[in-house]
Each structure stands twice: as structure tokens, then as C-alpha cells.
Amino acid sequence: MSQEPAEGDLGRTLWRCRRGMKELDLLLERYGRSRLPQAPEATRRSFERLLELPDPLLAGYFLGGIEPPDAATAELVRQIRAYVA
């Protein structure tokens, strides 16, 4: 069962979606606004860990076709790609 995140928690996470690259900003924030409010806690934690990665690595995952090395991150990247496609 997933609990909705507190409004402040969601706002902080969405603020972290603002990167230095417009393409990343758009896809991360779009996914976050739409999917995170009802997402399971594990997905929200994975998304927050994803946001800790540097922009060049995220750009490679989302725009360069690079596959993340760990399965959980790879699955989240696939979900985000599918959502914004």
C-alpha cells in the first residue's frame, strides 16, 4: 500500500528535478508530477536516488541510450522513458 507523499516532500523532490539541462528538467519533472503522488514508497525513493546522479550520467541514461548498471535504476529509467515517449 502506498501513502501519498507530504506536499512539502513532493515539492522538494520536484524542485530537485530542475537540472542544468532543459531536456532533463522536462522529462524528470513531467514524470514526477504525474507519477510520484500515487507511486509506492520504493519508487519514490528510487526516483530520489536517481536525482542524486550527476547531469551527464542522467543525460546518458535518458538521451544517450546508456543502460544503468543496477537493475532498480534501469527499471526506473525505462519507466520514465516509456512515460515521456
N, C-alpha and C. Protein backbone atom coordinates (compact mmCIF):
# COMPACT_ATOMS: atom_id res chain seq x y z
N MET A 1 0.84 -1.18 0.00
CA MET A 1 0.00 0.00 0.00
C MET A 1 0.88 1.24 0.00
N SER A 2 0.61 2.20 -0.88
CA SER A 2 1.43 3.39 -0.94
C SER A 2 0.72 4.55 -0.27
N GLN A 3 1.50 5.32 0.45
CA GLN A 3 0.99 6.54 1.03
C GLN A 3 1.39 7.69 0.14
N GLU A 4 0.50 8.66 0.02
CA GLU A 4 0.88 9.83 -0.77
C GLU A 4 1.95 10.60 -0.01
N PRO A 5 2.93 11.13 -0.73
CA PRO A 5 3.96 11.92 -0.05
C PRO A 5 3.37 13.22 0.46
N ALA A 6 3.94 13.73 1.53
CA ALA A 6 3.53 15.03 2.03
C ALA A 6 3.80 16.06 0.95
N GLU A 7 2.96 17.07 0.90
CA GLU A 7 3.08 18.09 -0.16
C GLU A 7 4.47 18.71 -0.18
N GLY A 8 5.05 18.97 1.00
CA GLY A 8 6.39 19.53 1.05
C GLY A 8 7.44 18.59 0.51
N ASP A 9 7.30 17.29 0.82
CA ASP A 9 8.24 16.30 0.30
C ASP A 9 8.19 16.24 -1.21
N LEU A 10 6.98 16.21 -1.76
CA LEU A 10 6.83 16.17 -3.21
C LEU A 10 7.39 17.44 -3.84
N GLY A 11 7.12 18.57 -3.23
CA GLY A 11 7.63 19.84 -3.75
C GLY A 11 9.15 19.87 -3.79
N ARG A 12 9.78 19.37 -2.74
CA ARG A 12 11.25 19.32 -2.70
C ARG A 12 11.78 18.40 -3.79
N THR A 13 11.13 17.26 -3.96
CA THR A 13 11.57 16.32 -4.99
C THR A 13 11.41 16.94 -6.37
N LEU A 14 10.27 17.58 -6.62
CA LEU A 14 10.06 18.22 -7.92
C LEU A 14 11.05 19.35 -8.15
N TRP A 15 11.39 20.08 -7.11
CA TRP A 15 12.39 21.14 -7.24
C TRP A 15 13.74 20.55 -7.66
N ARG A 16 14.07 19.38 -7.13
CA ARG A 16 15.33 18.72 -7.49
C ARG A 16 15.33 18.22 -8.93
N CYS A 17 14.16 18.13 -9.54
CA CYS A 17 14.07 17.74 -10.96
C CYS A 17 14.61 18.82 -11.87
N ARG A 18 14.74 20.03 -11.35
CA ARG A 18 15.28 21.14 -12.14
C ARG A 18 16.79 20.99 -12.19
N ARG A 19 17.26 20.60 -13.34
CA ARG A 19 18.66 20.33 -13.53
C ARG A 19 19.29 21.49 -14.28
N GLY A 20 20.41 21.25 -14.92
CA GLY A 20 21.03 22.28 -15.73
C GLY A 20 20.74 22.10 -17.21
N MET A 21 20.01 21.06 -17.54
CA MET A 21 19.74 20.74 -18.93
C MET A 21 18.22 20.68 -19.12
N LYS A 22 17.71 21.49 -20.03
CA LYS A 22 16.26 21.61 -20.20
C LYS A 22 15.59 20.27 -20.49
N GLU A 23 16.23 19.44 -21.29
CA GLU A 23 15.64 18.15 -21.64
C GLU A 23 15.43 17.29 -20.39
N LEU A 24 16.43 17.28 -19.50
CA LEU A 24 16.29 16.53 -18.26
C LEU A 24 15.22 17.15 -17.38
N ASP A 25 15.21 18.47 -17.29
CA ASP A 25 14.19 19.16 -16.49
C ASP A 25 12.79 18.71 -16.91
N LEU A 26 12.55 18.74 -18.20
CA LEU A 26 11.21 18.44 -18.72
C LEU A 26 10.80 17.00 -18.44
N LEU A 27 11.66 16.05 -18.74
CA LEU A 27 11.23 14.67 -18.58
C LEU A 27 11.14 14.26 -17.12
N LEU A 28 12.08 14.69 -16.30
CA LEU A 28 12.03 14.32 -14.89
C LEU A 28 10.85 14.98 -14.18
N GLU A 29 10.64 16.26 -14.44
CA GLU A 29 9.54 16.96 -13.77
C GLU A 29 8.19 16.44 -14.26
N ARG A 30 8.05 16.18 -15.54
CA ARG A 30 6.79 15.65 -16.07
C ARG A 30 6.45 14.31 -15.42
N TYR A 31 7.43 13.43 -15.37
CA TYR A 31 7.21 12.13 -14.74
C TYR A 31 6.90 12.32 -13.25
N GLY A 32 7.68 13.15 -12.58
CA GLY A 32 7.50 13.36 -11.15
C GLY A 32 6.14 13.90 -10.80
N ARG A 33 5.68 14.91 -11.52
CA ARG A 33 4.36 15.50 -11.24
C ARG A 33 3.24 14.50 -11.46
N SER A 34 3.37 13.70 -12.47
CA SER A 34 2.30 12.78 -12.83
C SER A 34 2.31 11.49 -12.00
N ARG A 35 3.47 10.92 -11.79
CA ARG A 35 3.55 9.58 -11.23
C ARG A 35 3.87 9.51 -9.74
N LEU A 36 4.65 10.45 -9.22
CA LEU A 36 5.09 10.34 -7.83
C LEU A 36 3.99 10.45 -6.79
N PRO A 37 2.96 11.29 -6.99
CA PRO A 37 1.95 11.40 -5.93
C PRO A 37 1.31 10.06 -5.56
N GLN A 38 1.13 9.16 -6.50
CA GLN A 38 0.49 7.88 -6.19
C GLN A 38 1.47 6.71 -6.23
N ALA A 39 2.75 7.00 -6.44
CA ALA A 39 3.75 5.93 -6.56
C ALA A 39 4.02 5.27 -5.21
N PRO A 40 4.38 4.00 -5.23
CA PRO A 40 4.79 3.33 -3.99
C PRO A 40 6.04 4.00 -3.41
N GLU A 41 6.20 3.87 -2.14
CA GLU A 41 7.35 4.47 -1.44
C GLU A 41 8.68 4.04 -2.06
N ALA A 42 8.80 2.78 -2.44
CA ALA A 42 10.05 2.29 -3.04
C ALA A 42 10.36 3.03 -4.34
N THR A 43 9.35 3.31 -5.14
CA THR A 43 9.55 4.05 -6.40
C THR A 43 9.97 5.48 -6.11
N ARG A 44 9.35 6.09 -5.13
CA ARG A 44 9.74 7.47 -4.77
C ARG A 44 11.18 7.53 -4.29
N ARG A 45 11.57 6.54 -3.49
CA ARG A 45 12.97 6.50 -3.02
C ARG A 45 13.93 6.29 -4.19
N SER A 46 13.58 5.41 -5.11
CA SER A 46 14.42 5.18 -6.29
C SER A 46 14.55 6.45 -7.12
N PHE A 47 13.45 7.17 -7.27
CA PHE A 47 13.47 8.42 -8.04
C PHE A 47 14.38 9.44 -7.34
N GLU A 48 14.28 9.55 -6.04
CA GLU A 48 15.15 10.48 -5.30
C GLU A 48 16.62 10.09 -5.43
N ARG A 49 16.92 8.80 -5.41
CA ARG A 49 18.31 8.35 -5.62
C ARG A 49 18.77 8.69 -7.03
N LEU A 50 17.87 8.54 -7.99
CA LEU A 50 18.19 8.89 -9.38
C LEU A 50 18.58 10.37 -9.48
N LEU A 51 17.86 11.22 -8.75
CA LEU A 51 18.14 12.65 -8.79
C LEU A 51 19.49 13.02 -8.17
N GLU A 52 20.08 12.11 -7.42
CA GLU A 52 21.40 12.36 -6.83
C GLU A 52 22.52 12.20 -7.86
N LEU A 53 22.22 11.58 -8.98
CA LEU A 53 23.25 11.33 -10.01
C LEU A 53 23.58 12.62 -10.75
N PRO A 54 24.80 12.75 -11.25
CA PRO A 54 25.19 13.95 -11.99
C PRO A 54 24.47 14.04 -13.35
N ASP A 55 24.27 15.26 -13.80
CA ASP A 55 23.57 15.50 -15.06
C ASP A 55 24.14 14.75 -16.26
N PRO A 56 25.48 14.71 -16.44
CA PRO A 56 25.99 13.99 -17.61
C PRO A 56 25.60 12.50 -17.61
N LEU A 57 25.57 11.90 -16.43
CA LEU A 57 25.19 10.50 -16.35
C LEU A 57 23.69 10.34 -16.66
N LEU A 58 22.86 11.22 -16.09
CA LEU A 58 21.42 11.17 -16.38
C LEU A 58 21.16 11.39 -17.87
N ALA A 59 21.88 12.33 -18.46
CA ALA A 59 21.72 12.58 -19.89
C ALA A 59 22.06 11.33 -20.70
N GLY A 60 23.08 10.62 -20.29
CA GLY A 60 23.43 9.37 -20.96
C GLY A 60 22.33 8.33 -20.83
N TYR A 61 21.74 8.24 -19.65
CA TYR A 61 20.66 7.28 -19.43
C TYR A 61 19.42 7.61 -20.25
N PHE A 62 19.06 8.89 -20.29
CA PHE A 62 17.80 9.27 -20.93
C PHE A 62 17.94 9.68 -22.39
N LEU A 63 19.07 10.23 -22.74
CA LEU A 63 19.22 10.77 -24.10
C LEU A 63 20.26 10.03 -24.92
N GLY A 64 21.14 9.31 -24.24
CA GLY A 64 22.23 8.67 -24.96
C GLY A 64 22.12 7.18 -25.08
N GLY A 65 21.06 6.60 -24.53
CA GLY A 65 20.86 5.17 -24.65
C GLY A 65 21.75 4.32 -23.77
N ILE A 66 22.40 4.91 -22.78
CA ILE A 66 23.24 4.15 -21.85
C ILE A 66 22.33 3.45 -20.84
N GLU A 67 22.62 2.21 -20.55
CA GLU A 67 21.84 1.42 -19.60
C GLU A 67 22.46 1.53 -18.21
N PRO A 68 21.69 1.91 -17.19
CA PRO A 68 22.23 1.95 -15.83
C PRO A 68 22.70 0.57 -15.39
N PRO A 69 23.75 0.52 -14.58
CA PRO A 69 24.31 -0.77 -14.19
C PRO A 69 23.46 -1.56 -13.21
N ASP A 70 22.68 -0.90 -12.35
CA ASP A 70 21.88 -1.66 -11.40
C ASP A 70 20.43 -1.78 -11.89
N ALA A 71 19.82 -2.90 -11.54
CA ALA A 71 18.51 -3.26 -12.07
C ALA A 71 17.41 -2.27 -11.67
N ALA A 72 17.43 -1.80 -10.43
CA ALA A 72 16.37 -0.90 -9.97
C ALA A 72 16.41 0.42 -10.73
N THR A 73 17.60 0.98 -10.91
CA THR A 73 17.73 2.23 -11.65
C THR A 73 17.37 2.02 -13.11
N ALA A 74 17.80 0.91 -13.67
CA ALA A 74 17.49 0.62 -15.07
C ALA A 74 15.98 0.53 -15.28
N GLU A 75 15.28 -0.10 -14.37
CA GLU A 75 13.82 -0.23 -14.49
C GLU A 75 13.15 1.14 -14.39
N LEU A 76 13.60 1.97 -13.46
CA LEU A 76 13.02 3.31 -13.32
C LEU A 76 13.28 4.14 -14.58
N VAL A 77 14.47 4.06 -15.11
CA VAL A 77 14.80 4.79 -16.34
C VAL A 77 13.89 4.32 -17.48
N ARG A 78 13.68 3.03 -17.58
CA ARG A 78 12.76 2.50 -18.61
C ARG A 78 11.34 3.04 -18.42
N GLN A 79 10.88 3.07 -17.18
CA GLN A 79 9.54 3.60 -16.88
C GLN A 79 9.42 5.07 -17.27
N ILE A 80 10.43 5.86 -16.94
CA ILE A 80 10.39 7.29 -17.27
C ILE A 80 10.45 7.47 -18.77
N ARG A 81 11.33 6.75 -19.45
CA ARG A 81 11.41 6.84 -20.91
C ARG A 81 10.07 6.50 -21.55
N ALA A 82 9.44 5.42 -21.08
CA ALA A 82 8.15 4.99 -21.64
C ALA A 82 7.06 6.03 -21.37
N TYR A 83 7.09 6.63 -20.20
CA TYR A 83 6.07 7.61 -19.86
C TYR A 83 6.16 8.85 -20.74
N VAL A 84 7.37 9.33 -20.98
CA VAL A 84 7.52 10.59 -21.72
C VAL A 84 7.62 10.39 -23.23
N ALA A 85 7.67 9.15 -23.66
CA ALA A 85 7.79 8.87 -25.10
C ALA A 85 6.54 9.24 -25.86
